[in-house]
Amino acid sequence: MVNFIGTYECKADAKGRFMMPAAIKKQLTPVMQDGFVIKRAVFQPCLELYPMDEWNKMMEKLNGLNRFNRKHNDFIRRFTAGVKTVEVDSNGRLLIPKDLITIAGITKEITVSSSVRILEIWDKQRYESAIDDSLDDFADLAEEVMGNDTTDLIS
């Protein structure tokens, strides 16, 4: 299990390839050989890059849903729409599939951001806008999400 750290800016070429930042490549080393799954995010206009072991854990959760329940079935279909397997090539580049580039509105400037066990891939301007838009609400969100936790977060 890898917990990613950092936010990095990259440039995509005309084919949708970008060089994985060295700091991220180093963090990916333990999971690089298994490959990755890339998909559209549920809540934001970005892409999510799952190491294969994290994707398999997510599929275990989805396999627990009842396919004869219409809402479950619709969720599974939408969650997995456009999912692709990808690999970091020998030059350290990742190719983003064209349909996912379009969905995420990715241009030449990309931001790769850690999101605990997955990476988010954003168009740079969309990322900056999402971060700026949420700054005002972050304190309230932090209190709501983490404020009721009675476990000691800092040892």
N, C-alpha and C. Protein backbone atom coordinates (compact mmCIF):
# COMPACT_ATOMS: atom_id res chain seq x y z
N MET A 1 0.84 -1.17 0.00
CA MET A 1 0.00 0.00 0.00
C MET A 1 0.89 1.24 0.00
N VAL A 2 0.63 2.14 -0.94
CA VAL A 2 1.40 3.37 -1.08
C VAL A 2 0.48 4.54 -0.76
N ASN A 3 0.94 5.44 0.10
CA ASN A 3 0.25 6.70 0.35
C ASN A 3 1.06 7.79 -0.34
N PHE A 4 0.51 8.33 -1.42
CA PHE A 4 1.24 9.30 -2.23
C PHE A 4 1.31 10.65 -1.54
N ILE A 5 2.37 11.39 -1.86
CA ILE A 5 2.59 12.71 -1.30
C ILE A 5 3.00 13.65 -2.42
N GLY A 6 2.36 14.82 -2.49
CA GLY A 6 2.82 15.88 -3.37
C GLY A 6 1.86 16.28 -4.47
N THR A 7 2.13 17.46 -4.99
CA THR A 7 1.42 18.02 -6.14
C THR A 7 2.48 18.52 -7.11
N TYR A 8 2.35 18.14 -8.37
CA TYR A 8 3.39 18.42 -9.36
C TYR A 8 2.77 18.91 -10.65
N GLU A 9 3.49 19.80 -11.33
CA GLU A 9 3.04 20.30 -12.62
C GLU A 9 3.84 19.63 -13.73
N CYS A 10 3.14 19.28 -14.81
CA CYS A 10 3.75 18.58 -15.94
C CYS A 10 3.22 19.18 -17.23
N LYS A 11 3.83 18.78 -18.33
CA LYS A 11 3.35 19.17 -19.65
C LYS A 11 3.04 17.92 -20.45
N ALA A 12 1.90 17.94 -21.12
CA ALA A 12 1.51 16.83 -21.99
C ALA A 12 1.92 17.15 -23.43
N ASP A 13 2.30 16.10 -24.16
CA ASP A 13 2.61 16.31 -25.58
C ASP A 13 1.33 16.16 -26.40
N ALA A 14 1.46 16.27 -27.70
CA ALA A 14 0.29 16.23 -28.59
C ALA A 14 -0.45 14.89 -28.53
N LYS A 15 0.24 13.83 -28.15
CA LYS A 15 -0.39 12.51 -28.06
C LYS A 15 -1.05 12.26 -26.70
N GLY A 16 -0.87 13.19 -25.75
CA GLY A 16 -1.45 13.01 -24.43
C GLY A 16 -0.52 12.32 -23.45
N ARG A 17 0.76 12.26 -23.79
CA ARG A 17 1.74 11.66 -22.89
C ARG A 17 2.35 12.75 -22.02
N PHE A 18 2.65 12.39 -20.79
CA PHE A 18 3.39 13.31 -19.94
C PHE A 18 4.41 12.53 -19.13
N MET A 19 5.49 13.22 -18.81
CA MET A 19 6.56 12.63 -18.03
C MET A 19 6.14 12.62 -16.57
N MET A 20 6.14 11.44 -15.98
CA MET A 20 5.82 11.32 -14.56
C MET A 20 6.92 12.04 -13.78
N PRO A 21 6.56 12.94 -12.88
CA PRO A 21 7.58 13.63 -12.08
C PRO A 21 8.44 12.62 -11.32
N ALA A 22 9.73 12.93 -11.18
CA ALA A 22 10.67 12.01 -10.53
C ALA A 22 10.22 11.62 -9.13
N ALA A 23 9.70 12.58 -8.38
CA ALA A 23 9.27 12.28 -7.00
C ALA A 23 8.10 11.29 -6.99
N ILE A 24 7.20 11.40 -7.95
CA ILE A 24 6.07 10.46 -8.05
C ILE A 24 6.56 9.11 -8.54
N LYS A 25 7.45 9.10 -9.54
CA LYS A 25 8.00 7.83 -10.03
C LYS A 25 8.64 7.05 -8.90
N LYS A 26 9.36 7.74 -8.04
CA LYS A 26 10.00 7.08 -6.91
C LYS A 26 8.95 6.45 -5.99
N GLN A 27 7.85 7.16 -5.75
CA GLN A 27 6.78 6.63 -4.91
C GLN A 27 6.04 5.47 -5.59
N LEU A 28 6.01 5.49 -6.92
CA LEU A 28 5.32 4.44 -7.69
C LEU A 28 6.14 3.16 -7.82
N THR A 29 7.44 3.22 -7.54
CA THR A 29 8.32 2.08 -7.76
C THR A 29 7.76 0.76 -7.22
N PRO A 30 7.21 0.71 -5.99
CA PRO A 30 6.72 -0.58 -5.48
C PRO A 30 5.53 -1.15 -6.26
N VAL A 31 4.81 -0.32 -7.03
CA VAL A 31 3.61 -0.81 -7.72
C VAL A 31 3.71 -0.68 -9.24
N MET A 32 4.83 -0.19 -9.73
CA MET A 32 4.99 0.09 -11.16
C MET A 32 4.77 -1.14 -12.04
N GLN A 33 5.28 -2.29 -11.64
CA GLN A 33 5.22 -3.49 -12.48
C GLN A 33 3.81 -4.01 -12.68
N ASP A 34 2.88 -3.67 -11.78
CA ASP A 34 1.51 -4.18 -11.90
C ASP A 34 0.63 -3.35 -12.80
N GLY A 35 1.05 -2.14 -13.15
CA GLY A 35 0.26 -1.27 -14.00
C GLY A 35 -0.77 -0.47 -13.21
N PHE A 36 -1.59 0.26 -13.96
CA PHE A 36 -2.53 1.20 -13.36
C PHE A 36 -3.85 1.19 -14.10
N VAL A 37 -4.85 1.72 -13.42
CA VAL A 37 -6.15 1.96 -14.04
C VAL A 37 -6.40 3.46 -13.96
N ILE A 38 -6.86 4.03 -15.08
CA ILE A 38 -7.19 5.45 -15.11
C ILE A 38 -8.68 5.58 -15.43
N LYS A 39 -9.33 6.52 -14.74
CA LYS A 39 -10.76 6.72 -14.93
C LYS A 39 -11.14 8.15 -14.62
N ARG A 40 -12.34 8.51 -15.01
CA ARG A 40 -12.85 9.83 -14.65
C ARG A 40 -13.20 9.84 -13.16
N ALA A 41 -13.03 10.98 -12.54
CA ALA A 41 -13.36 11.12 -11.12
C ALA A 41 -14.88 11.23 -10.95
N VAL A 42 -15.35 10.90 -9.78
CA VAL A 42 -16.78 10.95 -9.49
C VAL A 42 -17.23 12.38 -9.22
N PHE A 43 -16.48 13.14 -8.42
CA PHE A 43 -16.95 14.44 -7.95
C PHE A 43 -16.29 15.64 -8.62
N GLN A 44 -15.17 15.45 -9.27
CA GLN A 44 -14.41 16.57 -9.83
C GLN A 44 -14.11 16.34 -11.31
N PRO A 45 -13.82 17.43 -12.05
CA PRO A 45 -13.48 17.30 -13.47
C PRO A 45 -12.01 16.93 -13.66
N CYS A 46 -11.64 15.76 -13.16
CA CYS A 46 -10.26 15.29 -13.29
C CYS A 46 -10.27 13.79 -13.51
N LEU A 47 -9.08 13.23 -13.60
CA LEU A 47 -8.93 11.78 -13.76
C LEU A 47 -8.30 11.21 -12.50
N GLU A 48 -8.55 9.95 -12.25
CA GLU A 48 -7.96 9.26 -11.12
C GLU A 48 -7.10 8.11 -11.63
N LEU A 49 -5.89 8.02 -11.11
CA LEU A 49 -4.95 6.97 -11.48
C LEU A 49 -4.79 6.04 -10.28
N TYR A 50 -5.26 4.81 -10.44
CA TYR A 50 -5.21 3.80 -9.38
C TYR A 50 -4.08 2.81 -9.65
N PRO A 51 -3.19 2.60 -8.68
CA PRO A 51 -2.31 1.43 -8.81
C PRO A 51 -3.20 0.19 -8.85
N MET A 52 -2.79 -0.83 -9.58
CA MET A 52 -3.64 -2.00 -9.80
C MET A 52 -4.15 -2.63 -8.50
N ASP A 53 -3.32 -2.68 -7.46
CA ASP A 53 -3.80 -3.28 -6.21
C ASP A 53 -4.91 -2.45 -5.58
N GLU A 54 -4.84 -1.13 -5.69
CA GLU A 54 -5.93 -0.27 -5.18
C GLU A 54 -7.19 -0.44 -6.01
N TRP A 55 -7.01 -0.58 -7.32
CA TRP A 55 -8.17 -0.80 -8.19
C TRP A 55 -8.85 -2.12 -7.83
N ASN A 56 -8.05 -3.15 -7.60
CA ASN A 56 -8.63 -4.45 -7.24
C ASN A 56 -9.40 -4.38 -5.93
N LYS A 57 -8.92 -3.59 -4.97
CA LYS A 57 -9.67 -3.39 -3.72
C LYS A 57 -11.00 -2.69 -4.00
N MET A 58 -10.98 -1.72 -4.89
CA MET A 58 -12.22 -1.02 -5.25
C MET A 58 -13.19 -1.99 -5.94
N MET A 59 -12.67 -2.86 -6.79
CA MET A 59 -13.53 -3.82 -7.48
C MET A 59 -14.15 -4.81 -6.50
N GLU A 60 -13.42 -5.15 -5.44
CA GLU A 60 -14.00 -6.02 -4.40
C GLU A 60 -15.22 -5.36 -3.77
N LYS A 61 -15.12 -4.05 -3.52
CA LYS A 61 -16.27 -3.32 -2.98
C LYS A 61 -17.44 -3.33 -3.96
N LEU A 62 -17.14 -3.08 -5.23
CA LEU A 62 -18.20 -3.07 -6.24
C LEU A 62 -18.81 -4.45 -6.41
N ASN A 63 -17.99 -5.49 -6.29
CA ASN A 63 -18.52 -6.85 -6.40
C ASN A 63 -19.49 -7.19 -5.28
N GLY A 64 -19.41 -6.43 -4.18
CA GLY A 64 -20.34 -6.65 -3.08
C GLY A 64 -21.72 -6.03 -3.31
N LEU A 65 -21.84 -5.22 -4.37
CA LEU A 65 -23.14 -4.61 -4.67
C LEU A 65 -24.04 -5.61 -5.38
N ASN A 66 -25.33 -5.41 -5.24
CA ASN A 66 -26.33 -6.30 -5.83
C ASN A 66 -26.65 -5.82 -7.25
N ARG A 67 -26.23 -6.57 -8.24
CA ARG A 67 -26.46 -6.20 -9.65
C ARG A 67 -27.94 -6.24 -10.03
N PHE A 68 -28.77 -6.82 -9.19
CA PHE A 68 -30.21 -6.83 -9.46
C PHE A 68 -30.92 -5.66 -8.81
N ASN A 69 -30.16 -4.80 -8.16
CA ASN A 69 -30.67 -3.54 -7.64
C ASN A 69 -30.33 -2.48 -8.69
N ARG A 70 -31.33 -1.82 -9.22
CA ARG A 70 -31.14 -0.88 -10.33
C ARG A 70 -30.12 0.22 -9.98
N LYS A 71 -30.21 0.78 -8.78
CA LYS A 71 -29.27 1.84 -8.40
C LYS A 71 -27.84 1.31 -8.32
N HIS A 72 -27.68 0.12 -7.79
CA HIS A 72 -26.34 -0.47 -7.72
C HIS A 72 -25.80 -0.70 -9.13
N ASN A 73 -26.63 -1.24 -9.98
CA ASN A 73 -26.22 -1.53 -11.35
C ASN A 73 -25.85 -0.25 -12.10
N ASP A 74 -26.68 0.79 -11.94
CA ASP A 74 -26.39 2.08 -12.58
C ASP A 74 -25.08 2.67 -12.06
N PHE A 75 -24.87 2.55 -10.74
CA PHE A 75 -23.64 3.07 -10.17
C PHE A 75 -22.43 2.34 -10.74
N ILE A 76 -22.47 1.03 -10.78
CA ILE A 76 -21.35 0.25 -11.31
C ILE A 76 -21.05 0.67 -12.75
N ARG A 77 -22.09 0.82 -13.56
CA ARG A 77 -21.91 1.19 -14.96
C ARG A 77 -21.26 2.56 -15.08
N ARG A 78 -21.76 3.51 -14.32
CA ARG A 78 -21.23 4.87 -14.40
C ARG A 78 -19.82 4.97 -13.81
N PHE A 79 -19.60 4.26 -12.72
CA PHE A 79 -18.28 4.31 -12.07
C PHE A 79 -17.20 3.74 -12.98
N THR A 80 -17.52 2.71 -13.72
CA THR A 80 -16.52 2.05 -14.57
C THR A 80 -16.53 2.55 -16.02
N ALA A 81 -17.38 3.52 -16.34
CA ALA A 81 -17.44 4.05 -17.71
C ALA A 81 -16.10 4.69 -18.08
N GLY A 82 -15.55 4.27 -19.19
CA GLY A 82 -14.32 4.86 -19.70
C GLY A 82 -13.04 4.39 -19.02
N VAL A 83 -13.15 3.40 -18.15
CA VAL A 83 -11.97 2.90 -17.43
C VAL A 83 -10.99 2.27 -18.42
N LYS A 84 -9.70 2.57 -18.22
CA LYS A 84 -8.65 2.01 -19.08
C LYS A 84 -7.48 1.56 -18.22
N THR A 85 -6.78 0.53 -18.67
CA THR A 85 -5.52 0.17 -18.03
C THR A 85 -4.41 0.94 -18.75
N VAL A 86 -3.43 1.40 -17.98
CA VAL A 86 -2.31 2.15 -18.54
C VAL A 86 -1.03 1.73 -17.82
N GLU A 87 0.10 2.05 -18.44
CA GLU A 87 1.40 1.76 -17.85
C GLU A 87 2.30 2.97 -18.03
N VAL A 88 3.25 3.09 -17.15
CA VAL A 88 4.30 4.08 -17.32
C VAL A 88 5.34 3.43 -18.22
N ASP A 89 5.67 4.07 -19.36
CA ASP A 89 6.59 3.45 -20.32
C ASP A 89 8.04 3.51 -19.82
N SER A 90 8.93 2.94 -20.60
CA SER A 90 10.35 2.85 -20.19
C SER A 90 11.01 4.22 -20.07
N ASN A 91 10.40 5.24 -20.69
CA ASN A 91 10.93 6.60 -20.58
C ASN A 91 10.30 7.37 -19.42
N GLY A 92 9.41 6.70 -18.66
CA GLY A 92 8.77 7.36 -17.52
C GLY A 92 7.55 8.19 -17.89
N ARG A 93 6.98 7.93 -19.08
CA ARG A 93 5.81 8.68 -19.52
C ARG A 93 4.54 7.85 -19.34
N LEU A 94 3.44 8.57 -19.12
CA LEU A 94 2.13 7.94 -19.03
C LEU A 94 1.28 8.52 -20.16
N LEU A 95 0.64 7.65 -20.92
CA LEU A 95 -0.24 8.07 -22.01
C LEU A 95 -1.67 8.13 -21.49
N ILE A 96 -2.28 9.32 -21.54
CA ILE A 96 -3.67 9.49 -21.15
C ILE A 96 -4.52 9.22 -22.39
N PRO A 97 -5.46 8.28 -22.33
CA PRO A 97 -6.31 8.02 -23.49
C PRO A 97 -7.08 9.28 -23.93
N LYS A 98 -7.24 9.43 -25.24
CA LYS A 98 -7.86 10.63 -25.82
C LYS A 98 -9.24 10.92 -25.24
N ASP A 99 -10.08 9.88 -25.09
CA ASP A 99 -11.43 10.14 -24.58
C ASP A 99 -11.40 10.70 -23.17
N LEU A 100 -10.44 10.26 -22.35
CA LEU A 100 -10.33 10.77 -20.99
C LEU A 100 -9.73 12.18 -20.95
N ILE A 101 -8.86 12.49 -21.90
CA ILE A 101 -8.35 13.86 -22.02
C ILE A 101 -9.52 14.82 -22.25
N THR A 102 -10.40 14.42 -23.15
CA THR A 102 -11.56 15.25 -23.47
C THR A 102 -12.48 15.40 -22.26
N ILE A 103 -12.78 14.29 -21.60
CA ILE A 103 -13.67 14.32 -20.44
C ILE A 103 -13.14 15.23 -19.35
N ALA A 104 -11.83 15.18 -19.09
CA ALA A 104 -11.24 15.98 -18.02
C ALA A 104 -10.84 17.39 -18.47
N GLY A 105 -11.00 17.68 -19.76
CA GLY A 105 -10.65 19.00 -20.26
C GLY A 105 -9.17 19.30 -20.15
N ILE A 106 -8.35 18.27 -20.27
CA ILE A 106 -6.91 18.44 -20.11
C ILE A 106 -6.31 19.07 -21.36
N THR A 107 -5.49 20.09 -21.11
CA THR A 107 -4.75 20.74 -22.19
C THR A 107 -3.28 20.38 -22.02
N LYS A 108 -2.42 21.24 -22.42
CA LYS A 108 -0.98 20.95 -22.34
C LYS A 108 -0.45 20.97 -20.91
N GLU A 109 -1.00 21.83 -20.07
CA GLU A 109 -0.53 21.98 -18.69
C GLU A 109 -1.34 21.05 -17.77
N ILE A 110 -0.63 20.20 -17.03
CA ILE A 110 -1.26 19.19 -16.18
C ILE A 110 -0.77 19.36 -14.74
N THR A 111 -1.66 19.08 -13.80
CA THR A 111 -1.27 18.97 -12.40
C THR A 111 -1.54 17.55 -11.95
N VAL A 112 -0.53 16.90 -11.37
CA VAL A 112 -0.68 15.58 -10.78
C VAL A 112 -0.66 15.78 -9.28
N SER A 113 -1.74 15.35 -8.63
CA SER A 113 -1.90 15.61 -7.21
C SER A 113 -2.17 14.31 -6.46
N SER A 114 -1.50 14.16 -5.32
CA SER A 114 -1.73 12.97 -4.50
C SER A 114 -3.10 13.06 -3.83
N SER A 115 -3.73 11.93 -3.73
CA SER A 115 -5.02 11.82 -3.05
C SER A 115 -5.00 10.51 -2.27
N VAL A 116 -4.16 10.45 -1.29
CA VAL A 116 -3.89 9.32 -0.42
C VAL A 116 -3.34 8.15 -1.23
N ARG A 117 -4.16 7.20 -1.65
CA ARG A 117 -3.66 5.99 -2.34
C ARG A 117 -3.82 6.02 -3.85
N ILE A 118 -4.35 7.13 -4.37
CA ILE A 118 -4.45 7.29 -5.81
C ILE A 118 -3.88 8.64 -6.18
N LEU A 119 -3.70 8.87 -7.47
CA LEU A 119 -3.26 10.17 -7.97
C LEU A 119 -4.38 10.77 -8.79
N GLU A 120 -4.54 12.07 -8.66
CA GLU A 120 -5.48 12.80 -9.51
C GLU A 120 -4.69 13.49 -10.60
N ILE A 121 -5.23 13.48 -11.81
CA ILE A 121 -4.61 14.14 -12.95
C ILE A 121 -5.59 15.21 -13.43
N TRP A 122 -5.16 16.45 -13.37
CA TRP A 122 -6.01 17.60 -13.65
C TRP A 122 -5.44 18.44 -14.79
N ASP A 123 -6.31 19.13 -15.49
CA ASP A 123 -5.89 20.27 -16.27
C ASP A 123 -5.44 21.32 -15.24
N LYS A 124 -4.30 21.94 -15.45
CA LYS A 124 -3.72 22.85 -14.44
C LYS A 124 -4.70 23.95 -14.03
N GLN A 125 -5.34 24.60 -14.99
CA GLN A 125 -6.26 25.69 -14.66
C GLN A 125 -7.47 25.19 -13.87
N ARG A 126 -7.99 24.02 -14.23
CA ARG A 126 -9.12 23.47 -13.48
C ARG A 126 -8.72 23.12 -12.05
N TYR A 127 -7.51 22.61 -11.87
CA TYR A 127 -7.03 22.28 -10.53
C TYR A 127 -6.93 23.54 -9.68
N GLU A 128 -6.29 24.56 -10.24
CA GLU A 128 -6.13 25.81 -9.48
C GLU A 128 -7.48 26.42 -9.13
N SER A 129 -8.41 26.35 -10.06
CA SER A 129 -9.76 26.87 -9.80
C SER A 129 -10.46 26.07 -8.70
N ALA A 130 -10.34 24.74 -8.75
CA ALA A 130 -10.97 23.90 -7.74
C ALA A 130 -10.39 24.17 -6.35
N ILE A 131 -9.08 24.35 -6.28
CA ILE A 131 -8.43 24.64 -5.00
C ILE A 131 -8.85 26.02 -4.50
N ASP A 132 -8.84 27.02 -5.38
CA ASP A 132 -9.23 28.38 -5.00
C ASP A 132 -10.69 28.43 -4.55
N ASP A 133 -11.57 27.73 -5.26
CA ASP A 133 -12.99 27.74 -4.93
C ASP A 133 -13.26 27.12 -3.57
N SER A 134 -12.43 26.16 -3.18
CA SER A 134 -12.71 25.44 -1.94
C SER A 134 -11.98 26.02 -0.73
N LEU A 135 -11.11 27.00 -0.92
CA LEU A 135 -10.35 27.54 0.21
C LEU A 135 -11.27 28.12 1.28
N ASP A 136 -12.31 28.85 0.88
CA ASP A 136 -13.20 29.47 1.84
C ASP A 136 -13.94 28.45 2.68
N ASP A 137 -14.26 27.32 2.09
CA ASP A 137 -15.05 26.31 2.79
C ASP A 137 -14.20 25.25 3.48
N PHE A 138 -12.88 25.30 3.32
CA PHE A 138 -12.05 24.21 3.82
C PHE A 138 -12.08 24.08 5.33
N ALA A 139 -12.06 25.18 6.04
CA ALA A 139 -12.09 25.10 7.51
C ALA A 139 -13.38 24.42 7.98
N ASP A 140 -14.50 24.81 7.40
CA ASP A 140 -15.77 24.18 7.77
C ASP A 140 -15.78 22.71 7.40
N LEU A 141 -15.27 22.39 6.22
CA LEU A 141 -15.21 21.01 5.77
C LEU A 141 -14.32 20.18 6.69
N ALA A 142 -13.15 20.72 7.05
CA ALA A 142 -12.23 20.01 7.94
C ALA A 142 -12.89 19.72 9.27
N GLU A 143 -13.59 20.71 9.80
CA GLU A 143 -14.26 20.51 11.08
C GLU A 143 -15.35 19.44 10.98
N GLU A 144 -16.11 19.49 9.89
CA GLU A 144 -17.19 18.52 9.71
C GLU A 144 -16.67 17.10 9.52
N VAL A 145 -15.64 16.95 8.70
CA VAL A 145 -15.13 15.63 8.37
C VAL A 145 -14.24 15.07 9.48
N MET A 146 -13.37 15.90 10.04
CA MET A 146 -12.37 15.41 10.99
C MET A 146 -12.64 15.83 12.44
N GLY A 147 -13.50 16.80 12.65
CA GLY A 147 -13.70 17.37 13.96
C GLY A 147 -14.35 16.46 14.98
N ASN A 148 -15.12 15.49 14.53
CA ASN A 148 -15.80 14.59 15.46
C ASN A 148 -15.02 13.32 15.73
N ASP A 149 -13.84 13.21 15.12
CA ASP A 149 -13.01 12.02 15.31
C ASP A 149 -12.37 12.06 16.69
N THR A 150 -12.63 11.04 17.49
CA THR A 150 -12.10 11.03 18.85
C THR A 150 -10.75 10.34 18.95
N THR A 151 -10.25 9.79 17.85
CA THR A 151 -8.92 9.17 17.88
C THR A 151 -7.87 10.25 17.82
N ASP A 152 -6.74 9.99 18.38
CA ASP A 152 -5.63 10.94 18.42
C ASP A 152 -4.95 10.93 17.04
N LEU A 153 -5.10 12.03 16.29
CA LEU A 153 -4.51 12.10 14.96
C LEU A 153 -3.03 12.42 15.01
N ILE A 154 -2.59 13.07 16.06
CA ILE A 154 -1.18 13.43 16.18
C ILE A 154 -0.61 12.72 17.38
N SER A 155 0.40 11.92 17.15
CA SER A 155 1.01 11.17 18.24
C SER A 155 2.15 11.93 18.87
